[in-house]
Protein backbone atom coordinates (compact mmCIF):
# COMPACT_ATOMS: atom_id res chain seq x y z
CA MET A 1 131.71 77.70 14.58
CA ILE A 2 130.80 75.23 17.34
CA LEU A 3 129.56 78.10 19.52
CA ASP A 4 127.46 79.33 16.60
CA GLN A 5 125.94 75.89 16.22
CA LYS A 6 125.11 75.75 19.93
CA LEU A 7 123.53 79.19 19.81
CA GLU A 8 121.45 78.34 16.75
CA SER A 9 120.28 75.04 18.22
CA GLY A 10 119.40 76.56 21.59
CA GLY A 11 122.19 74.74 23.42
CA LEU A 12 123.65 75.90 26.74
CA ILE A 13 127.04 77.65 26.83
CA VAL A 14 129.02 77.94 30.07
CA LEU A 15 131.20 81.01 30.60
CA ASP A 16 134.03 81.16 33.10
CA GLY A 17 133.85 83.29 36.24
CA ALA A 18 135.71 86.37 37.41
CA MET A 19 139.16 87.03 36.02
CA GLY A 20 140.45 90.10 37.86
CA SER A 21 139.19 89.23 41.33
CA GLU A 22 140.23 85.60 40.86
CA VAL A 23 143.78 86.52 39.80
CA ALA A 24 143.90 88.69 42.92
CA ARG A 25 142.61 85.79 45.03
CA TYR A 26 145.44 83.65 43.65
CA GLY A 27 147.84 86.16 45.20
CA VAL A 28 148.60 88.69 42.46
CA PRO A 29 148.69 92.32 43.67
CA MET A 30 146.39 94.60 41.69
CA ASP A 31 147.67 97.86 40.20
CA LEU A 32 146.14 100.83 42.05
CA ALA A 33 145.22 102.59 38.80
CA ALA A 34 144.97 99.85 36.15
CA TRP A 35 143.69 96.96 38.30
CA CYS A 36 144.21 93.51 36.77
CA GLY A 37 145.53 94.41 33.31
CA VAL A 38 149.17 94.55 34.38
CA ALA A 39 149.10 90.91 35.58
CA ASN A 40 149.54 89.64 32.01
CA LYS A 41 153.02 91.16 32.14
CA THR A 42 153.97 90.62 35.77
CA HIS A 43 152.31 87.28 36.64
CA PRO A 44 151.60 85.37 33.42
CA ASP A 45 151.82 81.93 35.06
CA THR A 46 149.05 82.82 37.50
CA VAL A 47 146.81 84.23 34.77
CA ARG A 48 147.30 81.03 32.76
CA GLN A 49 146.56 78.91 35.83
CA VAL A 50 143.23 80.63 36.42
CA HIS A 51 142.22 79.88 32.84
CA GLU A 52 143.27 76.24 33.21
CA ASP A 53 141.24 75.87 36.39
CA TYR A 54 138.14 77.31 34.76
CA ILE A 55 138.43 74.85 31.88
CA ARG A 56 138.70 71.97 34.35
CA ALA A 57 135.63 73.35 36.14
CA GLY A 58 133.61 72.99 32.93
CA ALA A 59 133.76 76.34 31.14
CA ASP A 60 133.04 76.33 27.40
CA VAL A 61 134.43 79.86 27.09
CA ILE A 62 137.44 81.34 28.87
CA THR A 63 137.89 85.11 28.83
CA ALA A 64 141.31 86.66 28.29
CA ASN A 65 142.47 89.07 30.98
CA THR A 66 141.81 92.18 28.87
CA PHE A 67 139.03 93.96 30.76
CA ALA A 68 141.47 96.68 31.87
CA THR A 69 144.00 96.75 29.03
CA SER A 70 142.90 99.57 26.74
CA ARG A 71 145.64 102.11 26.04
CA HIS A 72 144.11 104.88 28.18
CA VAL A 73 144.03 102.53 31.18
CA LEU A 74 147.51 101.09 30.75
CA GLU A 75 148.96 104.60 30.35
CA SER A 76 148.16 105.18 34.02
CA ALA A 77 150.54 102.33 34.88
CA GLY A 78 153.24 103.66 32.53
CA LEU A 79 152.55 100.87 30.03
CA GLY A 80 150.74 102.66 27.21
CA ASP A 81 153.45 101.78 24.70
CA GLU A 82 153.01 98.10 25.58
CA THR A 83 149.27 98.05 24.94
CA ARG A 84 149.40 95.73 21.95
CA ALA A 85 151.96 93.42 23.55
CA ILE A 86 150.00 93.11 26.80
CA ASN A 87 146.77 92.34 24.95
CA ARG A 88 148.47 89.79 22.71
CA ARG A 89 150.01 88.15 25.76
CA ALA A 90 146.64 87.92 27.47
CA VAL A 91 145.22 86.00 24.52
CA GLU A 92 148.34 83.81 24.28
CA LEU A 93 147.95 82.84 27.95
CA ALA A 94 144.32 81.83 27.44
CA ARG A 95 145.17 79.81 24.33
CA GLU A 96 148.12 78.17 26.07
CA ALA A 97 145.84 77.21 28.97
CA ARG A 98 143.39 75.61 26.56
CA ASP A 99 146.17 73.67 24.82
CA ARG A 100 147.62 72.47 28.12
CA VAL A 101 144.34 71.25 29.57
CA THR A 102 142.41 69.87 26.63
CA THR A 103 142.54 69.08 22.94
CA ASN A 104 138.83 69.90 22.87
CA SER A 105 138.37 72.56 20.22
CA GLU A 106 134.95 73.34 21.69
CA VAL A 107 136.59 75.52 24.38
CA ALA A 108 136.57 79.06 22.97
CA VAL A 109 138.74 82.02 23.90
CA ALA A 110 136.98 85.36 24.30
CA GLY A 111 138.53 88.78 24.37
CA SER A 112 137.05 91.17 26.94
CA MET A 113 136.46 94.85 26.16
CA SER A 114 135.12 97.38 28.63
CA ILE A 115 134.78 101.13 29.00
CA MET A 116 136.86 101.16 32.17
CA ARG A 117 138.93 104.29 32.79
CA ALA A 118 142.18 104.59 34.71
CA TRP A 119 141.42 105.12 38.39
CA VAL A 120 142.84 107.73 40.69
CA PRO A 121 145.26 105.44 42.57
CA GLY A 122 143.54 103.80 45.49
CA SER A 123 140.05 105.00 44.54
CA LEU A 124 137.22 104.17 42.14
CA ALA A 125 137.10 107.64 40.62
CA PRO A 126 138.39 108.07 37.03
CA ASP A 127 141.69 109.90 36.79
CA PRO A 128 141.22 112.99 34.58
CA ARG A 129 144.90 112.90 33.62
CA TYR A 130 144.25 109.81 31.52
CA ALA A 131 140.77 110.58 30.22
CA PRO A 132 140.90 110.28 26.41
CA THR A 133 139.09 112.59 24.03
CA ALA A 134 136.25 111.06 22.04
CA ASP A 135 138.53 110.54 19.03
CA GLN A 136 141.32 109.09 21.16
CA GLU A 137 138.93 106.70 22.85
CA ALA A 138 137.55 105.49 19.53
CA THR A 139 141.08 104.99 18.22
CA ASN A 140 142.10 103.12 21.37
CA PHE A 141 139.09 100.81 21.16
CA THR A 142 139.86 100.06 17.52
CA GLU A 143 143.47 99.29 18.43
CA MET A 144 142.36 96.93 21.15
CA ALA A 145 139.69 95.14 19.12
CA ASP A 146 142.06 94.66 16.19
CA THR A 147 144.80 93.35 18.49
CA LEU A 148 142.45 90.84 20.09
CA ALA A 149 141.31 89.64 16.67
CA GLU A 150 144.85 89.35 15.35
CA ALA A 151 145.91 87.44 18.49
CA GLY A 152 143.29 84.79 17.80
CA VAL A 153 140.25 85.29 20.02
CA ASP A 154 137.12 83.48 18.86
CA ILE A 155 134.67 86.09 20.12
CA ILE A 156 134.71 89.48 21.81
CA ILE A 157 132.60 90.04 24.92
CA MET A 158 131.67 93.62 25.69
CA GLU A 159 131.63 93.88 29.49
CA MET A 160 129.87 96.43 31.67
CA MET A 161 128.26 98.41 28.88
CA ARG A 162 126.31 100.94 30.91
CA ASP A 163 126.13 104.19 28.95
CA LEU A 164 125.63 105.23 25.35
CA GLU A 165 128.56 107.44 24.44
CA HIS A 166 131.52 105.27 25.49
CA SER A 167 129.82 101.91 25.09
CA LYS A 168 128.76 102.52 21.49
CA ARG A 169 132.34 103.45 20.55
CA ALA A 170 133.61 100.22 22.05
CA ILE A 171 130.92 98.05 20.46
CA THR A 172 131.48 99.67 17.06
CA ALA A 173 135.18 98.83 17.22
CA ALA A 174 134.50 95.21 18.21
CA VAL A 175 131.88 94.60 15.53
CA ALA A 176 134.20 96.02 12.86
CA THR A 177 136.57 93.07 13.38
CA GLY A 178 133.99 90.71 11.90
CA LEU A 179 134.14 88.44 14.95
CA PRO A 180 131.04 87.43 16.91
CA VAL A 181 130.35 90.06 19.58
CA TRP A 182 128.43 89.36 22.79
CA ILE A 183 127.16 92.52 24.49
CA GLY A 184 127.04 92.44 28.30
CA ILE A 185 125.03 95.26 29.90
CA SER A 186 125.36 96.14 33.60
CA CYS A 187 122.39 97.60 35.41
CA THR A 188 121.20 99.01 38.70
CA ARG A 189 117.73 98.70 40.23
CA ARG A 190 116.59 101.96 41.80
CA SER A 191 114.53 101.96 44.99
CA ASP A 192 111.42 102.81 42.97
CA GLY A 193 111.96 99.77 40.73
CA ARG A 194 113.39 101.60 37.72
CA MET A 195 116.18 99.78 35.88
CA VAL A 196 119.06 101.99 34.74
CA GLY A 197 122.62 101.55 33.53
CA TRP A 198 124.99 100.39 36.28
CA ASP A 199 125.73 103.17 38.78
CA ILE A 200 128.95 102.70 40.69
CA ALA A 201 127.99 105.43 43.13
CA ALA A 202 124.97 103.38 44.19
CA GLU A 203 126.48 99.90 43.90
CA GLU A 204 129.83 100.69 45.53
CA SER A 205 128.82 103.42 47.97
CA SER A 206 130.76 101.81 50.81
CA ARG A 207 134.00 102.39 48.91
CA PHE A 208 133.55 106.15 48.49
CA THR A 209 134.12 108.96 50.97
CA ILE A 210 130.86 110.64 51.96
CA ASP A 211 130.94 114.33 52.84
CA GLN A 212 129.00 116.05 55.65
CA ASP A 213 125.97 116.54 53.40
CA GLY A 214 125.78 112.86 52.66
CA GLU A 215 127.09 113.22 49.12
CA ILE A 216 129.93 111.30 47.49
CA GLU A 217 132.98 113.48 47.93
CA ALA A 218 134.71 112.63 44.64
CA ASP A 219 132.66 112.43 41.44
CA SER A 220 132.93 108.85 40.23
CA GLY A 221 131.93 109.80 36.71
CA TRP A 222 129.98 106.54 36.51
CA GLY A 223 126.60 107.55 37.86
CA THR A 224 123.76 107.07 35.38
CA GLU A 225 120.08 107.60 34.94
CA ILE A 226 119.95 106.05 31.46
CA PRO A 227 116.95 103.70 31.31
CA LEU A 228 117.93 100.09 30.71
CA GLU A 229 115.29 99.96 27.98
CA LEU A 230 117.16 102.64 26.04
CA LEU A 231 120.52 100.91 26.39
CA ILE A 232 119.11 97.63 25.10
CA ASP A 233 117.28 99.28 22.19
CA GLU A 234 120.38 101.24 21.16
CA PHE A 235 122.72 98.23 21.35
CA ALA A 236 120.31 95.76 19.70
CA GLY A 237 120.93 97.07 16.21
CA MET A 238 124.72 97.35 16.42
CA GLY A 239 125.58 93.86 15.22
CA GLY A 240 126.01 91.81 18.36
CA THR A 241 125.18 88.10 18.18
CA ALA A 242 124.17 87.79 21.85
CA THR A 243 123.10 90.29 24.48
CA GLY A 244 122.75 89.95 28.23
CA ILE A 245 122.94 91.28 31.75
CA MET A 246 126.25 90.93 33.60
CA HIS A 247 128.27 92.39 36.48
CA SER A 248 125.02 93.29 38.19
CA ALA A 249 123.75 92.47 41.65
CA PRO A 250 121.86 89.16 41.82
CA SER A 251 118.78 91.15 42.83
CA SER A 252 119.05 93.11 39.56
CA MET A 253 119.48 90.12 37.25
CA SER A 254 115.88 88.95 36.93
CA PRO A 255 114.42 92.50 36.67
CA GLY A 256 117.10 93.30 34.09
CA LEU A 257 116.31 90.19 32.07
CA ASP A 258 112.60 91.03 32.27
CA VAL A 259 113.45 94.27 30.45
CA LEU A 260 115.78 92.54 27.98
CA PHE A 261 113.73 89.57 26.77
CA PRO A 262 110.97 91.55 25.00
CA ARG A 263 113.56 93.77 23.30
CA TRP A 264 116.07 91.17 22.10
CA SER A 265 115.14 88.07 20.12
CA GLY A 266 118.62 86.55 19.92
CA PRO A 267 120.60 84.44 22.42
CA VAL A 268 120.56 85.84 25.96
CA MET A 269 123.59 85.91 28.26
CA ALA A 270 123.69 86.39 32.04
CA TYR A 271 126.47 86.41 34.60
CA PRO A 272 126.02 88.11 37.97
CA GLU A 273 128.67 89.39 40.28
CA ALA A 274 129.11 87.90 43.75
CA SER A 275 131.39 90.34 45.52
CA ARG A 276 131.14 92.52 48.60
CA GLY A 277 127.47 93.24 49.37
CA ASN A 278 126.38 90.79 46.70
CA SER A 279 128.44 87.91 48.02
CA MET A 280 127.07 84.42 47.33
CA ASP A 281 128.71 81.15 48.24
CA PRO A 282 129.09 78.56 45.43
CA ASP A 283 125.92 76.72 46.41
CA ALA A 284 123.76 79.83 46.36
CA PHE A 285 125.38 80.98 43.13
CA ALA A 286 124.68 77.62 41.47
CA ILE A 287 121.02 77.78 42.49
CA HIS A 288 120.75 81.34 41.19
CA CYS A 289 122.28 80.47 37.80
CA LYS A 290 120.13 77.34 37.48
CA GLY A 291 117.12 79.61 37.77
CA LEU A 292 118.49 81.94 35.09
CA VAL A 293 118.90 79.06 32.62
CA GLU A 294 115.46 77.67 33.43
CA GLY A 295 114.17 81.16 32.65
CA GLY A 296 115.59 81.23 29.12
CA VAL A 297 119.24 82.30 29.54
CA GLN A 298 121.46 80.43 27.07
CA ILE A 299 124.93 81.73 28.03
CA VAL A 300 125.69 81.68 31.76
CA GLY A 301 128.71 82.31 33.99
CA GLY A 302 130.01 84.60 36.72
CA CYS A 303 131.59 88.01 37.18
CA CYS A 304 133.49 89.74 40.01
CA GLY A 305 133.72 87.69 43.18
CA THR A 306 132.91 84.36 41.53
CA THR A 307 135.63 81.73 41.76
CA VAL A 308 136.58 78.51 40.03
CA GLU A 309 134.54 76.67 42.66
CA HIS A 310 131.49 78.81 41.87
CA ILE A 311 131.69 77.74 38.22
CA ARG A 312 132.35 74.09 39.10
CA GLN A 313 129.26 73.91 41.30
CA MET A 314 127.22 75.87 38.79
CA VAL A 315 128.09 73.38 36.03
CA GLN A 316 127.04 70.47 38.25
CA SER A 317 123.68 72.12 39.00
CA LEU A 318 122.64 73.35 35.55
CA PRO A 319 119.66 71.77 33.79
CA ASN A 320 120.25 69.75 30.64
CA GLN A 321 118.55 72.29 28.43
CA VAL A 322 117.66 75.95 28.34
CA GLY A 323 114.18 76.76 29.57
CA PRO A 324 111.59 78.55 27.46
CA ARG A 325 111.88 82.31 27.06
CA PRO A 326 109.21 84.32 28.86
């Protein structure tokens, strides 16, 4: 309710930063196929600690470690039958962190949902052995959304929505819970200036094997030529309460928001990544996010590669109010 009041009044809301890469930075080994989702089971104290540190850094919203915990991802780690338990535990850890650090009920717990697939171990290519059918995927997303709602999240954030088919299934499941849903779209800026849904083959090319013809050897399954305009227009009518650009290169954030603002009249969210080729130190990140808020972004935070220190410095640098929308 407090978040709703802030959104309606035009107030600023601070998200936390990365969860998966920060848990890894705290020393937790990542699963080769399911990435950070297994940490809720194997290293709960560390997951809770990351949440606590983000609250101390000034986050209004902490995000449960559920980006990679859908059933078809956890099956690759042999944990499909523990899907509900692992998701419930992720929310419990976030709520425990909030209770341990503050009695401030204004700190909200978000559940994260993505369209991530299980990876071929040690790669970024989806593993066909664990690729669900359309009906299975829809069922799995419903299971996850319902579990997050039952566990007590305040909102659900859709992360890295970058296509139509899989993303719309996930968003539909989240909206059906009746909880507020914030839709985070990831995008890529082509060399000719076109904005399209996030393309891992372009953004993460250094992590793929290139064959003698200069092509990516293994199909990532994540390449896209879907115009960002189409993604925004399709998602806008699905029932989300906020929409934004996230897990995108800093150089793609402003062009992406330029596409978003004319197509979405509600609260706008933005949180860039700061990993690998997009690395930014906390000072540079804080300056970047200050500019986003001055440009009309109401919900701001960080994604992969951002740390607790990034969020702390961002909070210290943010303006007192959200700037006018373009």
